[in-house]
C-alpha atoms as a PDB file:
ATOM      1  CA  MET A   1      21.060 -26.565  19.194  1.00  0.00           C
ATOM      2  CA  ARG A   2      17.398 -26.009  20.114  1.00  0.00           C
ATOM      3  CA  VAL A   3      15.568 -24.117  17.381  1.00  0.00           C
ATOM      4  CA  LEU A   4      11.984 -22.892  17.337  1.00  0.00           C
ATOM      5  CA  VAL A   5      10.586 -23.017  13.818  1.00  0.00           C
ATOM      6  CA  ILE A   6       7.528 -20.854  13.073  1.00  0.00           C
ATOM      7  CA  ALA A   7       6.142 -22.073   9.760  1.00  0.00           C
ATOM      8  CA  ASP A   8       3.077 -22.737   7.593  1.00  0.00           C
ATOM      9  CA  ASP A   9       0.999 -20.284   5.616  1.00  0.00           C
ATOM     10  CA  TYR A  10      -1.355 -20.454   2.670  1.00  0.00           C
ATOM     11  CA  TRP A  11       1.310 -20.352  -0.019  1.00  0.00           C
ATOM     12  CA  HIS A  12       4.153 -22.011   1.882  1.00  0.00           C
ATOM     13  CA  PRO A  13       3.156 -25.227   3.752  1.00  0.00           C
ATOM     14  CA  ALA A  14       5.302 -26.240   6.667  1.00  0.00           C
ATOM     15  CA  LYS A  15       6.107 -29.600   4.991  1.00  0.00           C
ATOM     16  CA  VAL A  16       8.640 -27.761   2.740  1.00  0.00           C
ATOM     17  CA  ALA A  17      10.716 -26.538   5.703  1.00  0.00           C
ATOM     18  CA  HIS A  18      10.275 -29.964   7.343  1.00  0.00           C
ATOM     19  CA  ALA A  19      11.725 -31.649   4.309  1.00  0.00           C
ATOM     20  CA  GLY A  20      14.901 -29.578   4.496  1.00  0.00           C
ATOM     21  CA  LEU A  21      15.310 -29.374   8.278  1.00  0.00           C
ATOM     22  CA  ASP A  22      14.783 -33.131   8.678  1.00  0.00           C
ATOM     23  CA  LEU A  23      18.105 -33.661   6.963  1.00  0.00           C
ATOM     24  CA  MET A  24      20.005 -31.550   9.430  1.00  0.00           C
ATOM     25  CA  GLN A  25      21.553 -33.527  12.294  1.00  0.00           C
ATOM     26  CA  GLY A  26      22.668 -31.920  15.561  1.00  0.00           C
ATOM     27  CA  TYR A  27      19.554 -29.734  15.962  1.00  0.00           C
ATOM     28  CA  SER A  28      16.371 -30.049  17.893  1.00  0.00           C
ATOM     29  CA  PHE A  29      13.563 -28.396  15.890  1.00  0.00           C
ATOM     30  CA  ASP A  30      10.301 -27.611  17.555  1.00  0.00           C
ATOM     31  CA  TYR A  31       7.512 -26.318  15.280  1.00  0.00           C
ATOM     32  CA  VAL A  32       4.710 -23.887  15.714  1.00  0.00           C
ATOM     33  CA  GLU A  33       2.430 -24.149  12.656  1.00  0.00           C
ATOM     34  CA  ASP A  34      -0.762 -22.539  13.914  1.00  0.00           C
ATOM     35  CA  ALA A  35      -0.232 -19.085  15.234  1.00  0.00           C
ATOM     36  CA  GLY A  36      -2.737 -19.755  17.998  1.00  0.00           C
ATOM     37  CA  ASP A  37      -0.111 -22.074  19.522  1.00  0.00           C
ATOM     38  CA  TRP A  38       2.576 -19.314  19.579  1.00  0.00           C
ATOM     39  CA  SER A  39       3.471 -17.422  22.690  1.00  0.00           C
ATOM     40  CA  ALA A  40       6.158 -14.926  23.542  1.00  0.00           C
ATOM     41  CA  GLU A  41       6.972 -16.818  26.698  1.00  0.00           C
ATOM     42  CA  ALA A  42       7.593 -20.108  24.952  1.00  0.00           C
ATOM     43  CA  MET A  43       9.629 -18.435  22.189  1.00  0.00           C
ATOM     44  CA  ALA A  44      11.891 -16.832  24.833  1.00  0.00           C
ATOM     45  CA  SER A  45      13.070 -20.256  25.965  1.00  0.00           C
ATOM     46  CA  TYR A  46      14.866 -20.755  22.574  1.00  0.00           C
ATOM     47  CA  PRO A  47      18.225 -19.254  21.699  1.00  0.00           C
ATOM     48  CA  VAL A  48      17.161 -18.894  18.063  1.00  0.00           C
ATOM     49  CA  THR A  49      13.952 -18.850  16.059  1.00  0.00           C
ATOM     50  CA  LEU A  50      13.699 -19.749  12.370  1.00  0.00           C
ATOM     51  CA  PHE A  51      10.860 -17.742  10.929  1.00  0.00           C
ATOM     52  CA  VAL A  52       9.350 -19.036   7.695  1.00  0.00           C
ATOM     53  CA  LYS A  53       5.712 -17.933   7.865  1.00  0.00           C
ATOM     54  CA  SER A  54       3.932 -15.110   6.154  1.00  0.00           C
ATOM     55  CA  ASN A  55       1.133 -13.294   7.912  1.00  0.00           C
ATOM     56  CA  ASN A  56      -1.408 -16.141   7.961  1.00  0.00           C
ATOM     57  CA  VAL A  57      -2.592 -17.995  11.058  1.00  0.00           C
ATOM     58  CA  SER A  58      -1.932 -21.219   9.228  1.00  0.00           C
ATOM     59  CA  ALA A  59      -2.172 -22.782   5.789  1.00  0.00           C
ATOM     60  CA  GLU A  60      -5.860 -23.337   6.274  1.00  0.00           C
ATOM     61  CA  ASN A  61      -6.572 -19.977   7.986  1.00  0.00           C
ATOM     62  CA  ARG A  62      -5.383 -16.896   5.993  1.00  0.00           C
ATOM     63  CA  ASP A  63      -6.355 -14.415   8.704  1.00  0.00           C
ATOM     64  CA  PRO A  64      -3.381 -12.310   9.773  1.00  0.00           C
ATOM     65  CA  TRP A  65      -1.809 -13.123  13.113  1.00  0.00           C
ATOM     66  CA  VAL A  66       0.830 -10.503  13.710  1.00  0.00           C
ATOM     67  CA  THR A  67      -0.410  -7.705  15.986  1.00  0.00           C
ATOM     68  CA  PRO A  68       1.630  -4.848  17.410  1.00  0.00           C
ATOM     69  CA  GLU A  69       2.009  -6.956  20.576  1.00  0.00           C
ATOM     70  CA  VAL A  70       3.499  -9.812  18.539  1.00  0.00           C
ATOM     71  CA  GLU A  71       5.863  -7.460  16.766  1.00  0.00           C
ATOM     72  CA  ALA A  72       7.006  -6.049  20.098  1.00  0.00           C
ATOM     73  CA  ALA A  73       7.626  -9.600  21.416  1.00  0.00           C
ATOM     74  CA  PHE A  74       9.894 -10.382  18.433  1.00  0.00           C
ATOM     75  CA  ALA A  75      11.821  -7.226  18.915  1.00  0.00           C
ATOM     76  CA  ALA A  76      12.250  -7.820  22.635  1.00  0.00           C
ATOM     77  CA  TYR A  77      13.331 -11.445  21.953  1.00  0.00           C
ATOM     78  CA  VAL A  78      16.139 -10.339  19.713  1.00  0.00           C
ATOM     79  CA  ARG A  79      17.181  -7.279  21.736  1.00  0.00           C
ATOM     80  CA  ALA A  80      17.635  -9.588  24.779  1.00  0.00           C
ATOM     81  CA  GLY A  81      20.389 -11.468  22.920  1.00  0.00           C
ATOM     82  CA  ARG A  82      18.625 -14.195  20.954  1.00  0.00           C
ATOM     83  CA  GLY A  83      18.774 -14.927  17.222  1.00  0.00           C
ATOM     84  CA  LEU A  84      16.176 -14.684  14.456  1.00  0.00           C
ATOM     85  CA  LEU A  85      16.684 -16.415  11.142  1.00  0.00           C
ATOM     86  CA  VAL A  86      14.045 -15.260   8.596  1.00  0.00           C
ATOM     87  CA  VAL A  87      13.745 -17.500   5.591  1.00  0.00           C
ATOM     88  CA  HIS A  88      11.708 -16.803   2.354  1.00  0.00           C
ATOM     89  CA  SER A  89       8.075 -16.329   3.317  1.00  0.00           C
ATOM     90  CA  GLY A  90       9.054 -14.931   6.740  1.00  0.00           C
ATOM     91  CA  THR A  91       9.673 -11.679   4.858  1.00  0.00           C
ATOM     92  CA  ALA A  92       6.338 -11.686   2.983  1.00  0.00           C
ATOM     93  CA  THR A  93       3.165  -9.727   3.750  1.00  0.00           C
ATOM     94  CA  TYR A  94       4.866  -7.735   6.462  1.00  0.00           C
ATOM     95  CA  THR A  95       4.996  -4.453   4.653  1.00  0.00           C
ATOM     96  CA  ASP A  96       2.591  -2.878   7.174  1.00  0.00           C
ATOM     97  CA  THR A  97       4.063  -4.255  10.321  1.00  0.00           C
ATOM     98  CA  PRO A  98       6.636  -1.510  11.075  1.00  0.00           C
ATOM     99  CA  THR A  99       8.339  -2.958  14.125  1.00  0.00           C
ATOM    100  CA  LEU A 100       8.872  -6.413  12.542  1.00  0.00           C
ATOM    101  CA  ARG A 101       9.879  -4.879   9.291  1.00  0.00           C
ATOM    102  CA  ALA A 102      12.520  -2.718  10.998  1.00  0.00           C
ATOM    103  CA  LEU A 103      13.732  -5.792  12.943  1.00  0.00           C
ATOM    104  CA  MET A 104      14.298  -7.703   9.665  1.00  0.00           C
ATOM    105  CA  GLY A 105      15.827  -4.716   7.932  1.00  0.00           C
ATOM    106  CA  GLY A 106      13.511  -5.002   4.949  1.00  0.00           C
ATOM    107  CA  VAL A 107      10.659  -7.002   3.465  1.00  0.00           C
ATOM    108  CA  PHE A 108       9.433  -8.866   0.407  1.00  0.00           C
ATOM    109  CA  GLU A 109       7.966  -6.624  -2.307  1.00  0.00           C
ATOM    110  CA  ARG A 110       7.011  -9.029  -5.110  1.00  0.00           C
ATOM    111  CA  HIS A 111       8.154 -12.016  -7.165  1.00  0.00           C
ATOM    112  CA  PRO A 112       7.690 -12.961 -10.809  1.00  0.00           C
ATOM    113  CA  GLU A 113       6.522 -16.502 -11.809  1.00  0.00           C
ATOM    114  CA  GLN A 114       8.835 -19.237 -10.599  1.00  0.00           C
ATOM    115  CA  CYS A 115      11.946 -19.415 -12.793  1.00  0.00           C
ATOM    116  CA  PRO A 116      15.550 -20.532 -12.624  1.00  0.00           C
ATOM    117  CA  VAL A 117      17.239 -18.520  -9.891  1.00  0.00           C
ATOM    118  CA  THR A 118      21.012 -18.527  -9.296  1.00  0.00           C
ATOM    119  CA  VAL A 119      22.150 -18.152  -5.684  1.00  0.00           C
ATOM    120  CA  THR A 120      25.638 -16.697  -5.437  1.00  0.00           C
ATOM    121  CA  PRO A 121      27.577 -16.487  -2.207  1.00  0.00           C
ATOM    122  CA  HIS A 122      29.854 -13.471  -1.698  1.00  0.00           C
ATOM    123  CA  ALA A 123      33.386 -14.767  -1.852  1.00  0.00           C
ATOM    124  CA  GLY A 124      35.287 -14.595   1.385  1.00  0.00           C
ATOM    125  CA  HIS A 125      32.195 -13.902   3.603  1.00  0.00           C
ATOM    126  CA  PRO A 126      32.272 -16.145   6.689  1.00  0.00           C
ATOM    127  CA  LEU A 127      28.585 -17.061   6.312  1.00  0.00           C
ATOM    128  CA  CYS A 128      29.370 -18.374   2.851  1.00  0.00           C
ATOM    129  CA  GLN A 129      32.089 -20.792   3.946  1.00  0.00           C
ATOM    130  CA  GLY A 130      31.456 -24.124   2.123  1.00  0.00           C
ATOM    131  CA  VAL A 131      28.653 -22.672   0.003  1.00  0.00           C
ATOM    132  CA  GLU A 132      28.866 -23.098  -3.789  1.00  0.00           C
ATOM    133  CA  PRO A 133      26.704 -21.220  -6.250  1.00  0.00           C
ATOM    134  CA  PHE A 134      23.630 -23.097  -7.412  1.00  0.00           C
ATOM    135  CA  THR A 135      20.676 -22.653  -9.766  1.00  0.00           C
ATOM    136  CA  LEU A 136      17.168 -24.056  -9.116  1.00  0.00           C
ATOM    137  CA  LYS A 137      13.629 -23.142  -9.979  1.00  0.00           C
ATOM    138  CA  ASP A 138      12.334 -20.832  -7.224  1.00  0.00           C
ATOM    139  CA  GLU A 139      10.365 -17.699  -6.494  1.00  0.00           C
ATOM    140  CA  HIS A 140      12.785 -14.915  -7.146  1.00  0.00           C
ATOM    141  CA  TYR A 141      11.987 -12.568  -4.248  1.00  0.00           C
ATOM    142  CA  HIS A 142      12.365  -8.844  -4.988  1.00  0.00           C
ATOM    143  CA  MET A 143      13.103  -7.157  -1.736  1.00  0.00           C
ATOM    144  CA  ILE A 144      12.883  -3.734  -0.206  1.00  0.00           C
ATOM    145  CA  VAL A 145      15.917  -3.141   2.023  1.00  0.00           C
ATOM    146  CA  ASP A 146      15.115  -0.454   4.553  1.00  0.00           C
ATOM    147  CA  ASP A 147      18.302  -0.556   6.628  1.00  0.00           C
ATOM    148  CA  PRO A 148      21.284   0.675   4.541  1.00  0.00           C
ATOM    149  CA  THR A 149      23.728  -0.865   7.085  1.00  0.00           C
ATOM    150  CA  VAL A 150      22.746  -4.506   6.462  1.00  0.00           C
ATOM    151  CA  ASP A 151      25.563  -6.811   5.566  1.00  0.00           C
ATOM    152  CA  VAL A 152      24.557  -8.511   2.334  1.00  0.00           C
ATOM    153  CA  PHE A 153      26.392 -11.833   1.836  1.00  0.00           C
ATOM    154  CA  LEU A 154      24.246 -13.522  -0.875  1.00  0.00           C
ATOM    155  CA  THR A 155      22.911 -12.453  -4.246  1.00  0.00           C
ATOM    156  CA  THR A 156      20.070 -14.024  -6.220  1.00  0.00           C
ATOM    157  CA  THR A 157      19.917 -13.617  -9.969  1.00  0.00           C
ATOM    158  CA  SER A 158      17.382 -14.550 -12.674  1.00  0.00           C
ATOM    159  CA  GLU A 159      16.157 -13.166 -15.966  1.00  0.00           C
ATOM    160  CA  HIS A 160      14.500 -10.583 -13.803  1.00  0.00           C
ATOM    161  CA  GLY A 161      17.731  -9.137 -12.492  1.00  0.00           C
ATOM    162  CA  ASP A 162      19.751  -9.234  -9.281  1.00  0.00           C
ATOM    163  CA  GLN A 163      18.450  -9.085  -5.740  1.00  0.00           C
ATOM    164  CA  PRO A 164      19.932  -9.337  -2.248  1.00  0.00           C
ATOM    165  CA  GLY A 165      19.462 -12.990  -1.264  1.00  0.00           C
ATOM    166  CA  GLY A 166      20.816 -12.885   2.276  1.00  0.00           C
ATOM    167  CA  TRP A 167      21.806 -10.219   4.815  1.00  0.00           C
ATOM    168  CA  THR A 168      22.460  -9.781   8.493  1.00  0.00           C
ATOM    169  CA  ARG A 169      21.920  -7.026  11.028  1.00  0.00           C
ATOM    170  CA  THR A 170      22.115  -6.710  14.774  1.00  0.00           C
ATOM    171  CA  GLU A 171      19.414  -5.418  17.172  1.00  0.00           C
ATOM    172  CA  GLY A 172      20.362  -4.764  20.783  1.00  0.00           C
ATOM    173  CA  LYS A 173      22.248  -7.756  22.035  1.00  0.00           C
ATOM    174  CA  GLY A 174      20.837 -10.043  19.324  1.00  0.00           C
ATOM    175  CA  ARG A 175      21.317 -10.988  15.666  1.00  0.00           C
ATOM    176  CA  VAL A 176      18.959 -11.164  12.727  1.00  0.00           C
ATOM    177  CA  CYS A 177      19.641 -12.937   9.434  1.00  0.00           C
ATOM    178  CA  VAL A 178      17.470 -13.025   6.304  1.00  0.00           C
ATOM    179  CA  LEU A 179      17.606 -15.634   3.542  1.00  0.00           C
ATOM    180  CA  THR A 180      15.202 -15.054   0.600  1.00  0.00           C
ATOM    181  CA  PRO A 181      15.413 -18.338  -1.363  1.00  0.00           C
ATOM    182  CA  GLY A 182      13.353 -21.372  -0.276  1.00  0.00           C
ATOM    183  CA  HIS A 183       9.941 -21.823  -1.938  1.00  0.00           C
ATOM    184  CA  THR A 184      10.599 -25.432  -2.872  1.00  0.00           C
ATOM    185  CA  VAL A 185      11.772 -28.643  -1.242  1.00  0.00           C
ATOM    186  CA  GLU A 186      14.577 -28.826  -3.842  1.00  0.00           C
ATOM    187  CA  VAL A 187      16.038 -25.569  -2.539  1.00  0.00           C
ATOM    188  CA  TRP A 188      15.757 -26.538   1.077  1.00  0.00           C
ATOM    189  CA  GLN A 189      17.456 -29.869   0.434  1.00  0.00           C
ATOM    190  CA  HIS A 190      20.214 -28.500  -1.788  1.00  0.00           C
ATOM    191  CA  PRO A 191      23.643 -29.018  -0.134  1.00  0.00           C
ATOM    192  CA  SER A 192      24.582 -25.340  -0.468  1.00  0.00           C
ATOM    193  CA  PHE A 193      21.329 -24.206   1.100  1.00  0.00           C
ATOM    194  CA  GLN A 194      21.748 -26.738   3.912  1.00  0.00           C
ATOM    195  CA  THR A 195      25.179 -25.268   4.579  1.00  0.00           C
ATOM    196  CA  LEU A 196      23.721 -21.743   4.526  1.00  0.00           C
ATOM    197  CA  LEU A 197      21.173 -22.837   7.128  1.00  0.00           C
ATOM    198  CA  ARG A 198      23.891 -24.280   9.344  1.00  0.00           C
ATOM    199  CA  ASN A 199      26.167 -21.203   8.966  1.00  0.00           C
ATOM    200  CA  THR A 200      23.378 -18.738   9.553  1.00  0.00           C
ATOM    201  CA  LEU A 201      21.873 -20.526  12.563  1.00  0.00           C
ATOM    202  CA  ALA A 202      25.360 -20.678  14.188  1.00  0.00           C
ATOM    203  CA  TRP A 203      25.851 -16.965  13.481  1.00  0.00           C
ATOM    204  CA  CYS A 204      22.447 -16.092  14.937  1.00  0.00           C
ATOM    205  CA  VAL A 205      23.434 -17.656  18.308  1.00  0.00           C
ATOM    206  CA  GLY A 206      26.761 -15.866  18.282  1.00  0.00           C
ATOM    207  CA  GLU A 207      29.051 -18.516  16.924  1.00  0.00           C
ATOM    208  CA  GLY A 208      31.178 -16.734  14.422  1.00  0.00           C
END
């Protein structure tokens, strides 16, 4: 499977995603780490995009990169039948990007200091097949869910309460999935998170 990975921001260096995705065989991952290298035309050649980048041009350049034109390109990409997997920081700092926020179904609101976070799959959900609960130190993302029809399949829990940790929605002919864990290499490399990535990427391209 060919996957475009849009990664790298000030708080979330691309090397974290690399460390997890490098373990996954059977995929061809191509990375855009500087937003200046992104184009709607290039993205359209991929069946699925993994989006793990907050609204910074890069880790070195904290200027925002998402314009209304970029938002519209993401929406058109999904509506045409492609998949978008949004992981962790891909939900962050997009409160004021209404088209992208609506496409995702919700956005990051805040997180407490890193702490033990338990990730619990919803029993019987097809995206949770082969996924066991696990607990690791992470940023516990507190989310604003705008779309009441999202299908939540994962819950994250810490001393700060429960939050939706994963959900799906459709847009036009395409599919969108959100996973909120993933601040650390340990999370990305955990077997259950690796299985979640595999399951959700497959779902995003219409397999299952």
